[in-house]
Structures are given as structure tokens and as C-alpha cells.
Amino acid sequence: MQFFSTNRQSPDTNFEQAIFQGLPPDNGLYMPEEIPKLPVSFWDNCDKLSFNEIAFHVSEAFIGDLIAKETLMNILNEAYDFDTPLTRIDVNTYCLELFHGPSMAFKDFGAKFMAGVMSYFLKKSEQRINILVATSGDTGGAVAQGFFGKENITVTILYPKGKVSELQEKQLTTLGGNVSALEIDGTFDDCQALVKQAFLDVELKEKFSLASANSINIARLIPQAFYYIYAFSRLKALNKEIVFSVPSGNFGNLTAGLIAMKMGMPVKQFIAATNLNKVVPEYLNSGDYKPISPSIATISNAMDVGNPSNFPRMFEIFDKDIEKMKSKITGYFYDDEQTREGIKEIYGQKNYLTCPHSAIAYLGLKEYQKLNNSDAIGVFLSTAHYSKFLPDMEATLGYLPEIPERLKSLLDKTKKSEQLTTNYSDFKDYLLKNLK
């Protein structure tokens, strides 16, 4: 399968080249020339397949014969050795828990798959790669865990100073080894801009092999489609329409759901649930796309994105037609006070704890169900474990929730990071001195 750039000014390429380039030379985003539809036989029998078997069928449709079937299955089995529970909240509401991986965030799905396929290709070609990644919270921890100790790979993570939680910061600054962290005195958008500029820098590209592990990389998106299809397969027997509510920042997660839909997954509606960085909900309402700069800081910090990178991909999926997009995506946004009320509501009524991001997805689903009097099954995605946001959880609930041991152990570890401004020259100098 070939992949094209959304800016249409770069040559098409295959999956292997696309994941190592990260960004096309024209600063677009890679998309498959055609999103493959899975056969009817797959959808008829998906409820009998395991998560990893579903992942195999989905990924093989994009990768083709670049990786042998047995090798691909081995990569998936190594990546996904954790559960993806679908928890029933009430009659028509389910929570898809995506925080049971090593970093306890949904981005483990993309990072571990990406690390596996990159390692395979690098070993085969006897080459090495430098991963550059910007994070607004959970991406950094997932990439750090996914790529830690991988041969021929070094990882540099940029994160906004003072804008990630303590546990999130510890996850990406305490591993060492082949993982380095840069604390940028700015916003996530500033971090992302630095990474994008590095990928377009001719001198850096000549000296080093650079790749991205953000959701701008197509290898991060494809595995996120796995869990949508898995959720559908577990609800299929109910014979009802399904609505997915997705906590959204950079919109990679929702784009992956759209890819699953294009592959043939039946879905009634997607809900783009955001915090006050409400660019996409407002676009769906007004037709005007107005990025927010700088992004607005909220308690759902991983969603503090003022110019979502994946919007061009969403636009491509809907043939650049806003009416088509509006027919499948409904947008809602919530401020911090509403987010706290959502956390308290689901805990008080259902005895279920959610992080701020997941609470926004819950609020979006409830608003949709109320406004549409919908009898559809609603699935809201829980993207991170609540204990990664302890100060806000304690302030909201009035007590300190229990912390899993694997996160608790991080608190005593020493943070190691280098501080930089948003000046690109300083960032480039760092890379020239430290990359291999």
C-alpha cells in the first residue's frame, strides 16, 4: 500500500518509509492512498477473535507483505500483553479502559506497536534512528516506555514546563538510557513546532536519521484503530447502534476511530469532546477553523492543543466536506469546573473513578444521549488512569485516591531533564551535540 501527503507536494511512499520519515518533505501528513475495507467474513466473526487477532487483521491490511505474518503476530503479542476492559457503567453506557499498559495511558497502544515495527525494520536494514517527540502529557511516558532499551533507537522527548502532572513528568524523565527529556519553557504547541521544524531542517536530515512518535506518525494511528474495532466486537451481540465519545486534543485518537469506520466498522456517531481548546467543536458549529494560540491550560492537560495536527487527516477522510464531517462527528467542549462536576457525578452515581480527560468524554456522551434521546450504546474512552492527576483528583473529590504501585514507585525517582526555551537555534544546537 502507498501513502500520500495531505499537502500533495511529496512523492508517495510505502509504510516502512512513511513511519521513518514521520513527516513528508512538504510538511503534510501521511495517509494511506485508500483505507482498506476488511472483508464481510471478518465483521461476521470478529466477536470470536481476541484483541491481538483483531489487531493482526487490521495492521496487515496496511502493512501487506512488508512484514511476514508470523513476525507481525509476534510483534503484536509482545506489544499487547495487557487487557483492554470494556466496563459497563449503566444500561446503555460503557467505558473502554485504555490505561492498562505500562504507562497507564492509551498511547501505549500506538507507542508499543510503533517500537516493535521500527525495531524490526532497523534490525533488518542494520540502521539506527533518532525519535523526536513532543508531548502534552501522556505521549511522552508511552513513548519512553515503548522505546526504552530498544537497540539502534534514541528518543528525545519535549514537554512544556509546568504543564504536565508530576507523575507524567516522572514517567518520561526517570528512565535514562536511550531516553532523554527536554523541558521547554512554553506550551505543547511550541514543543510540537520545534519538532516539526527539526524534521524540515536540511542540515539535521543530512546528519541524522530522524523519526517522530507523535500521532503525526501514521504508525501511531493505525494501532489505535484496534481498540475501536475490539469494542465493537464485544458489543456486537447487543445488536444496537454504537456511539463513541472521544476525549480530544491533537485528534489522533478520533482520527483512528474514523479509520476503523472506513474499514467497515458500523458506528452511528463520534463525539469530539474537548476542553476549552475547542477548535474542532467550534468548526463543526460555524464552519470556521480558528486555531488557538497559545493553547489554554486546563486540568485535562493532555488535551491542551490549540492547533490539532490531525485535523488535515480528518478532512481527507471526509473528502474535505464539512457536511460529511458533521454527519458523523458531534463536538462538545467543557471548562474545568464542568470537568470536575463530571468526575464527581460518575463517582457519586456509579462509584467509578475517571481522570479529567475521561470525564470530558463521559460528559460529551451524556450530553449527546440527552439531546438526541438516543437508545444507542454509548462508549466513552478512558485514556489515562486517574492517579496520574492526583492534585486535581484530590481537590475535586476531597480525598486522595489510591495510587497503583507502579506509579507510586515513580515518586521517589529523580527527575533528569534539560531546560530549553522555545528558540529553535538552541534546540538545534542540542540535537547536533547529542544525537548519534
Protein backbone atom coordinates (compact mmCIF):
# COMPACT_ATOMS: atom_id res chain seq x y z
CA MET A 1 0.00 0.00 0.00
CA GLN A 2 1.17 3.52 -0.82
CA PHE A 3 0.89 6.55 1.47
CA PHE A 4 0.46 10.13 0.25
CA SER A 5 1.00 13.53 1.86
CA THR A 6 -2.06 15.61 2.73
CA ASN A 7 -0.27 18.60 1.14
CA ARG A 8 0.07 16.66 -2.14
CA GLN A 9 3.56 18.05 -2.85
CA SER A 10 5.67 15.00 -1.91
CA PRO A 11 6.14 11.62 -3.62
CA ASP A 12 4.01 8.72 -2.42
CA THR A 13 5.81 6.13 -0.31
CA ASN A 14 5.26 2.77 1.40
CA PHE A 15 4.54 2.04 5.07
CA GLU A 16 8.19 1.47 6.08
CA GLN A 17 9.39 4.73 4.55
CA ALA A 18 6.39 6.67 5.89
CA ILE A 19 6.98 5.68 9.51
CA PHE A 20 10.68 6.56 9.42
CA GLN A 21 10.14 9.88 7.65
CA GLY A 22 7.39 10.83 10.10
CA LEU A 23 6.54 14.00 8.18
CA PRO A 24 6.58 14.21 4.38
CA PRO A 25 9.04 16.78 2.94
CA ASP A 26 6.14 19.14 2.15
CA ASN A 27 5.16 19.31 5.86
CA GLY A 28 1.90 17.44 5.31
CA LEU A 29 0.82 14.20 6.99
CA TYR A 30 0.96 10.71 5.57
CA MET A 31 -2.33 8.98 4.78
CA PRO A 32 -2.98 5.64 3.06
CA GLU A 33 -3.95 6.11 -0.60
CA GLU A 34 -7.03 4.07 0.25
CA ILE A 35 -8.28 2.95 3.65
CA PRO A 36 -8.82 -0.79 3.14
CA LYS A 37 -12.18 -2.33 3.91
CA LEU A 38 -12.00 -5.55 5.91
CA PRO A 39 -13.99 -8.42 4.38
CA VAL A 40 -17.53 -9.23 5.46
CA SER A 41 -16.24 -12.51 6.91
CA PHE A 42 -14.10 -10.53 9.37
CA TRP A 43 -17.07 -8.49 10.64
CA ASP A 44 -19.24 -11.61 10.84
CA ASN A 45 -16.70 -13.34 13.09
CA CYS A 46 -14.87 -10.53 14.90
CA ASP A 47 -16.69 -11.29 18.16
CA LYS A 48 -14.86 -14.64 18.23
CA LEU A 49 -11.41 -13.06 17.83
CA SER A 50 -9.01 -11.93 20.56
CA PHE A 51 -7.71 -8.36 20.72
CA ASN A 52 -4.40 -9.42 19.16
CA GLU A 53 -6.12 -11.35 16.37
CA ILE A 54 -8.19 -8.26 15.53
CA ALA A 55 -5.01 -6.17 15.63
CA PHE A 56 -3.38 -8.58 13.19
CA HIS A 57 -6.14 -8.31 10.59
CA VAL A 58 -6.24 -4.51 10.83
CA SER A 59 -2.47 -3.94 10.67
CA GLU A 60 -1.90 -6.49 7.93
CA ALA A 61 -4.34 -4.60 5.72
CA PHE A 62 -1.97 -1.59 5.79
CA ILE A 63 1.42 -3.30 6.01
CA GLY A 64 0.84 -6.04 3.42
CA ASP A 65 3.87 -8.26 2.81
CA LEU A 66 6.45 -5.83 4.25
CA ILE A 67 6.39 -7.93 7.43
CA ALA A 68 5.80 -11.68 7.39
CA LYS A 69 2.53 -12.80 9.02
CA GLU A 70 4.23 -14.79 11.81
CA THR A 71 6.62 -11.91 12.57
CA LEU A 72 3.75 -9.40 12.66
CA MET A 73 1.81 -11.60 15.08
CA ASN A 74 4.89 -11.88 17.29
CA ILE A 75 5.26 -8.08 17.33
CA LEU A 76 1.61 -7.72 18.36
CA ASN A 77 1.84 -10.38 21.06
CA GLU A 78 4.89 -8.66 22.56
CA ALA A 79 3.23 -5.24 22.38
CA TYR A 80 -0.17 -6.13 23.80
CA ASP A 81 0.31 -8.24 26.88
CA PHE A 82 -2.26 -6.20 28.84
CA ASP A 83 -6.07 -6.05 28.97
CA THR A 84 -8.49 -3.62 27.29
CA PRO A 85 -11.57 -3.88 29.54
CA LEU A 86 -14.98 -2.63 28.40
CA THR A 87 -16.67 -1.71 31.68
CA ARG A 88 -20.46 -1.37 31.88
CA ILE A 89 -21.45 1.87 33.64
CA ASP A 90 -25.21 1.67 33.14
CA VAL A 91 -27.76 0.17 30.73
CA ASN A 92 -26.52 1.93 27.59
CA THR A 93 -23.15 3.29 28.73
CA TYR A 94 -19.75 1.60 28.66
CA CYS A 95 -16.24 2.79 29.40
CA LEU A 96 -13.43 1.49 27.21
CA GLU A 97 -10.45 1.43 29.60
CA LEU A 98 -7.27 2.16 27.66
CA PHE A 99 -4.94 2.69 30.62
CA HIS A 100 -3.79 -0.82 31.47
CA GLY A 101 -0.49 -0.66 29.56
CA PRO A 102 2.95 0.14 31.03
CA SER A 103 2.50 3.95 31.14
CA MET A 104 -1.18 3.64 32.12
CA ALA A 105 -2.37 5.73 29.16
CA PHE A 106 -3.98 4.94 25.81
CA LYS A 107 -0.88 5.99 23.93
CA ASP A 108 0.77 2.70 24.93
CA PHE A 109 -1.19 1.11 22.06
CA GLY A 110 0.48 3.28 19.43
CA ALA A 111 3.92 3.53 21.04
CA LYS A 112 4.42 -0.19 21.62
CA PHE A 113 3.28 -1.13 18.11
CA MET A 114 5.48 1.54 16.60
CA ALA A 115 8.51 0.48 18.64
CA GLY A 116 8.00 -3.11 17.53
CA VAL A 117 7.72 -2.44 13.80
CA MET A 118 10.54 0.14 13.82
CA SER A 119 12.84 -2.28 15.66
CA TYR A 120 12.05 -4.96 13.10
CA PHE A 121 12.86 -2.74 10.12
CA LEU A 122 16.02 -1.31 11.75
CA LYS A 123 17.38 -4.76 12.57
CA LYS A 124 16.68 -5.87 9.03
CA SER A 125 18.48 -2.87 7.50
CA GLU A 126 21.22 -2.58 10.18
CA GLN A 127 20.49 1.13 10.64
CA ARG A 128 19.70 3.41 13.61
CA ILE A 129 17.10 6.13 14.21
CA ASN A 130 16.56 9.17 16.44
CA ILE A 131 12.99 9.64 17.67
CA LEU A 132 11.86 13.22 18.34
CA VAL A 133 8.53 13.57 20.11
CA ALA A 134 6.50 16.39 21.65
CA THR A 135 4.12 15.60 24.49
CA SER A 136 1.28 17.39 26.25
CA GLY A 137 1.22 14.70 28.91
CA ASP A 138 0.79 11.02 28.13
CA THR A 139 2.60 10.60 24.80
CA GLY A 140 5.99 11.13 26.44
CA GLY A 141 5.52 8.39 29.04
CA ALA A 142 4.18 5.94 26.49
CA VAL A 143 6.99 6.58 24.03
CA ALA A 144 9.59 6.41 26.80
CA GLN A 145 8.26 3.03 27.97
CA GLY A 146 7.65 1.69 24.46
CA PHE A 147 11.11 2.50 23.09
CA PHE A 148 13.21 2.15 26.26
CA GLY A 149 16.11 -0.21 25.70
CA LYS A 150 15.37 -0.74 22.01
CA GLU A 151 18.58 -1.24 20.06
CA ASN A 152 19.57 1.33 17.43
CA ILE A 153 16.98 3.84 18.68
CA THR A 154 17.45 7.01 20.74
CA VAL A 155 14.49 9.05 21.98
CA THR A 156 14.29 12.80 22.71
CA ILE A 157 11.06 13.95 24.37
CA LEU A 158 10.00 17.62 24.50
CA TYR A 159 7.42 18.63 27.11
CA PRO A 160 6.04 22.02 28.29
CA LYS A 161 7.50 23.15 31.60
CA GLY A 162 4.97 23.14 34.44
CA LYS A 163 2.14 21.88 32.23
CA VAL A 164 2.26 18.12 32.83
CA SER A 165 1.42 16.33 36.07
CA GLU A 166 4.17 15.18 38.45
CA LEU A 167 3.63 11.52 37.63
CA GLN A 168 3.53 12.20 33.90
CA GLU A 169 6.81 14.09 34.20
CA LYS A 170 8.45 11.33 36.23
CA GLN A 171 7.45 8.74 33.62
CA LEU A 172 9.43 10.48 30.90
CA THR A 173 12.35 11.92 32.89
CA THR A 174 13.48 8.99 35.05
CA LEU A 175 14.30 6.16 32.64
CA GLY A 176 17.61 7.42 31.26
CA GLY A 177 19.43 5.08 28.91
CA ASN A 178 18.37 5.79 25.34
CA VAL A 179 15.61 8.21 26.50
CA SER A 180 16.30 11.96 27.08
CA ALA A 181 13.81 14.66 28.16
CA LEU A 182 13.80 18.37 27.28
CA GLU A 183 11.76 20.72 29.46
CA ILE A 184 10.59 23.54 27.16
CA ASP A 185 9.60 26.90 28.65
CA GLY A 186 6.42 27.16 26.56
CA THR A 187 3.29 25.28 25.53
CA PHE A 188 2.75 21.92 23.88
CA ASP A 189 2.21 23.73 20.58
CA ASP A 190 5.68 25.26 20.99
CA CYS A 191 7.15 21.80 21.58
CA GLN A 192 5.38 20.44 18.54
CA ALA A 193 6.54 23.37 16.40
CA LEU A 194 10.18 22.70 17.38
CA VAL A 195 9.86 19.03 16.42
CA LYS A 196 8.22 19.85 13.09
CA GLN A 197 10.93 22.41 12.27
CA ALA A 198 13.65 19.87 13.04
CA PHE A 199 12.13 17.41 10.59
CA LEU A 200 12.28 20.04 7.85
CA ASP A 201 15.85 21.12 8.69
CA VAL A 202 18.14 20.07 5.82
CA GLU A 203 21.31 20.01 7.94
CA LEU A 204 19.77 17.77 10.61
CA LYS A 205 18.27 15.46 7.99
CA GLU A 206 21.69 15.07 6.34
CA LYS A 207 23.45 14.28 9.62
CA PHE A 208 20.84 12.10 11.39
CA SER A 209 18.01 9.73 10.69
CA LEU A 210 15.02 11.38 12.38
CA ALA A 211 11.54 9.99 13.03
CA SER A 212 8.51 11.03 15.05
CA ALA A 213 6.46 9.09 17.56
CA ASN A 214 3.68 11.68 17.83
CA SER A 215 0.30 10.99 16.29
CA ILE A 216 1.63 12.83 13.23
CA ASN A 217 3.29 9.45 12.51
CA ILE A 218 0.92 7.08 10.70
CA ALA A 219 2.26 4.13 12.73
CA ARG A 220 0.76 5.70 15.86
CA LEU A 221 -2.71 5.95 14.32
CA ILE A 222 -3.17 2.52 12.80
CA PRO A 223 -2.91 0.60 16.13
CA GLN A 224 -5.38 2.99 17.77
CA ALA A 225 -7.99 1.65 15.38
CA PHE A 226 -7.54 -1.76 17.02
CA TYR A 227 -9.43 -0.91 20.20
CA TYR A 228 -12.40 0.68 18.46
CA ILE A 229 -12.96 -2.49 16.48
CA TYR A 230 -12.35 -4.60 19.58
CA ALA A 231 -15.02 -2.62 21.48
CA PHE A 232 -17.45 -3.05 18.60
CA SER A 233 -16.77 -6.80 18.53
CA ARG A 234 -17.62 -7.14 22.24
CA LEU A 235 -20.86 -5.16 21.85
CA LYS A 236 -21.92 -6.69 18.55
CA ALA A 237 -24.27 -9.24 20.13
CA LEU A 238 -26.41 -6.42 21.61
CA ASN A 239 -27.47 -5.57 18.06
CA LYS A 240 -27.64 -1.82 18.75
CA GLU A 241 -26.10 1.24 17.15
CA ILE A 242 -22.89 2.47 18.81
CA VAL A 243 -21.71 5.99 19.64
CA PHE A 244 -18.07 6.63 20.59
CA SER A 245 -17.19 9.65 22.74
CA VAL A 246 -13.52 10.55 22.42
CA PRO A 247 -11.58 12.96 24.67
CA SER A 248 -9.76 15.01 22.05
CA GLY A 249 -6.67 17.21 21.89
CA ASN A 250 -4.45 16.53 18.89
CA PHE A 251 -7.27 14.41 17.41
CA GLY A 252 -5.18 11.35 16.61
CA ASN A 253 -7.48 9.19 18.73
CA LEU A 254 -10.64 10.29 16.96
CA THR A 255 -8.94 10.01 13.55
CA ALA A 256 -8.13 6.38 14.37
CA GLY A 257 -11.82 5.80 15.07
CA LEU A 258 -12.65 7.28 11.67
CA ILE A 259 -10.14 4.89 10.08
CA ALA A 260 -11.90 1.97 11.83
CA MET A 261 -15.21 3.26 10.44
CA LYS A 262 -13.77 3.46 6.91
CA MET A 263 -12.55 -0.14 7.29
CA GLY A 264 -16.17 -1.17 7.72
CA MET A 265 -16.90 -0.80 11.45
CA PRO A 266 -20.56 0.19 11.96
CA VAL A 267 -20.83 3.36 14.05
CA LYS A 268 -23.69 5.80 14.48
CA GLN A 269 -21.71 8.83 15.65
CA PHE A 270 -18.40 10.05 17.05
CA ILE A 271 -18.32 12.73 19.74
CA ALA A 272 -15.34 15.07 19.74
CA ALA A 273 -15.24 16.05 23.43
CA THR A 274 -12.70 18.76 24.22
CA ASN A 275 -11.74 21.17 26.97
CA LEU A 276 -11.60 24.94 26.30
CA ASN A 277 -9.25 24.29 23.40
CA LYS A 278 -12.42 23.91 21.36
CA VAL A 279 -11.17 24.46 17.81
CA VAL A 280 -12.89 21.43 16.27
CA PRO A 281 -16.26 21.69 18.11
CA GLU A 282 -16.46 25.33 17.03
CA TYR A 283 -15.51 24.41 13.47
CA LEU A 284 -18.31 21.84 13.37
CA ASN A 285 -20.69 24.53 14.59
CA SER A 286 -19.55 27.52 12.50
CA GLY A 287 -17.54 26.15 9.58
CA ASP A 288 -14.59 28.38 10.57
CA TYR A 289 -11.33 26.71 11.60
CA LYS A 290 -9.62 29.04 14.07
CA PRO A 291 -6.55 27.66 15.88
CA ILE A 292 -5.96 28.89 19.43
CA SER A 293 -2.51 30.36 20.15
CA PRO A 294 -1.27 29.90 22.76
CA SER A 295 -3.31 26.88 23.82
CA ILE A 296 -5.37 27.25 27.02
CA ALA A 297 -4.06 25.46 30.12
CA THR A 298 -6.63 23.17 31.79
CA ILE A 299 -6.77 20.28 34.26
CA SER A 300 -7.14 17.94 31.26
CA ASN A 301 -3.64 18.92 30.19
CA ALA A 302 -3.02 16.22 27.59
CA MET A 303 -5.80 17.86 25.55
CA ASP A 304 -4.37 21.39 25.73
CA VAL A 305 -3.80 21.65 21.99
CA GLY A 306 -4.70 24.84 20.17
CA ASN A 307 -3.98 23.65 16.62
CA PRO A 308 -4.71 19.91 16.30
CA SER A 309 -2.17 18.28 13.99
CA ASN A 310 -4.50 15.54 12.81
CA PHE A 311 -7.25 17.81 11.51
CA PRO A 312 -5.95 17.57 7.90
CA ARG A 313 -6.32 13.78 8.12
CA MET A 314 -9.89 14.11 9.35
CA PHE A 315 -10.57 16.48 6.47
CA GLU A 316 -9.15 13.96 3.97
CA ILE A 317 -11.31 11.15 5.35
CA PHE A 318 -14.41 13.25 4.70
CA ASP A 319 -13.23 14.40 1.24
CA LYS A 320 -12.78 17.95 2.63
CA ASP A 321 -16.55 18.22 3.01
CA ILE A 322 -17.71 19.77 6.31
CA GLU A 323 -21.26 18.49 5.87
CA LYS A 324 -19.99 14.91 5.62
CA MET A 325 -17.88 15.50 8.72
CA LYS A 326 -20.80 16.95 10.67
CA SER A 327 -22.93 13.94 9.75
CA LYS A 328 -20.57 11.67 11.70
CA ILE A 329 -18.92 13.92 14.32
CA THR A 330 -20.63 15.96 17.01
CA GLY A 331 -18.48 18.35 19.04
CA TYR A 332 -18.87 19.44 22.67
CA PHE A 333 -16.48 21.29 24.99
CA TYR A 334 -16.25 21.72 28.77
CA ASP A 335 -14.38 24.00 31.17
CA ASP A 336 -12.51 22.87 34.28
CA GLU A 337 -15.48 23.33 36.60
CA GLN A 338 -17.70 21.20 34.38
CA THR A 339 -14.91 18.62 34.18
CA ARG A 340 -14.73 18.43 37.98
CA GLU A 341 -18.51 18.06 38.16
CA GLY A 342 -18.26 15.21 35.67
CA ILE A 343 -15.67 13.41 37.82
CA LYS A 344 -17.90 13.82 40.88
CA GLU A 345 -21.05 12.78 39.03
CA ILE A 346 -19.79 9.47 37.69
CA TYR A 347 -18.13 8.68 41.01
CA GLY A 348 -21.16 9.65 43.10
CA GLN A 349 -23.73 7.90 40.90
CA LYS A 350 -21.73 4.92 39.61
CA ASN A 351 -18.84 4.61 42.09
CA TYR A 352 -16.44 4.85 39.16
CA LEU A 353 -13.28 6.99 39.10
CA THR A 354 -12.14 8.73 35.94
CA CYS A 355 -9.33 11.11 35.08
CA PRO A 356 -10.22 14.64 33.87
CA HIS A 357 -9.85 13.67 30.19
CA SER A 358 -12.11 10.65 30.54
CA ALA A 359 -14.65 12.74 32.46
CA ILE A 360 -14.90 15.08 29.47
CA ALA A 361 -15.65 12.11 27.20
CA TYR A 362 -18.30 10.97 29.70
CA LEU A 363 -19.88 14.44 29.74
CA GLY A 364 -19.93 14.53 25.94
CA LEU A 365 -21.64 11.17 25.76
CA LYS A 366 -24.27 12.11 28.34
CA GLU A 367 -25.00 15.40 26.55
CA TYR A 368 -25.38 13.61 23.23
CA GLN A 369 -27.67 10.95 24.71
CA LYS A 370 -29.83 13.60 26.37
CA LEU A 371 -30.12 15.89 23.33
CA ASN A 372 -30.79 13.05 20.91
CA ASN A 373 -32.91 10.86 23.18
CA SER A 374 -30.63 8.11 21.92
CA ASP A 375 -31.05 4.42 22.67
CA ALA A 376 -27.68 3.67 21.08
CA ILE A 377 -24.92 2.05 23.09
CA GLY A 378 -22.56 4.80 24.22
CA VAL A 379 -18.86 4.08 24.70
CA PHE A 380 -16.64 6.76 26.22
CA LEU A 381 -12.91 6.27 26.02
CA SER A 382 -10.91 6.43 29.25
CA THR A 383 -7.48 7.47 28.10
CA ALA A 384 -5.43 7.59 31.31
CA HIS A 385 -5.51 6.28 34.87
CA TYR A 386 -6.95 8.82 37.31
CA SER A 387 -3.95 8.61 39.66
CA LYS A 388 -1.73 10.34 37.10
CA PHE A 389 -3.61 13.53 38.04
CA LEU A 390 -3.56 13.30 41.83
CA PRO A 391 -3.66 17.00 42.81
CA ASP A 392 -6.74 17.65 40.68
CA MET A 393 -8.40 14.40 41.72
CA GLU A 394 -7.84 15.17 45.41
CA ALA A 395 -9.09 18.74 45.03
CA THR A 396 -12.19 17.51 43.19
CA LEU A 397 -13.11 14.53 45.37
CA GLY A 398 -11.91 15.81 48.74
CA TYR A 399 -9.65 12.82 49.36
CA LEU A 400 -6.57 11.21 47.79
CA PRO A 401 -7.50 8.19 45.65
CA GLU A 402 -5.40 5.05 45.80
CA ILE A 403 -2.28 5.04 43.62
CA PRO A 404 -1.22 1.86 41.78
CA GLU A 405 2.16 0.60 42.94
CA ARG A 406 3.82 1.01 39.54
CA LEU A 407 3.01 4.73 39.59
CA LYS A 408 3.68 5.19 43.32
CA SER A 409 7.24 3.92 42.87
CA LEU A 410 7.95 6.76 40.41
CA LEU A 411 7.50 9.46 43.03
CA ASP A 412 10.83 8.65 44.72
CA LYS A 413 12.81 8.65 41.47
CA THR A 414 15.00 11.59 40.46
CA LYS A 415 13.90 13.69 37.52
CA LYS A 416 16.56 14.24 34.87
CA SER A 417 15.84 16.77 32.13
CA GLU A 418 17.47 19.66 30.31
CA GLN A 419 15.71 23.02 30.19
CA LEU A 420 15.41 24.96 26.93
CA THR A 421 13.48 27.96 25.64
CA THR A 422 11.31 27.88 22.52
CA ASN A 423 14.24 29.22 20.48
CA TYR A 424 14.83 26.82 17.59
CA SER A 425 18.55 27.55 17.33
CA ASP A 426 19.09 26.36 20.92
CA PHE A 427 17.09 23.20 20.24
CA LYS A 428 19.05 22.52 17.05
CA ASP A 429 22.36 23.01 18.87
CA TYR A 430 21.26 20.47 21.48
CA LEU A 431 20.41 17.95 18.78
CA LEU A 432 23.71 18.49 16.95
CA LYS A 433 25.62 17.81 20.18
CA ASN A 434 23.59 14.87 21.46
CA LEU A 435 22.17 12.82 18.59
CA LYS A 436 24.04 9.90 17.07
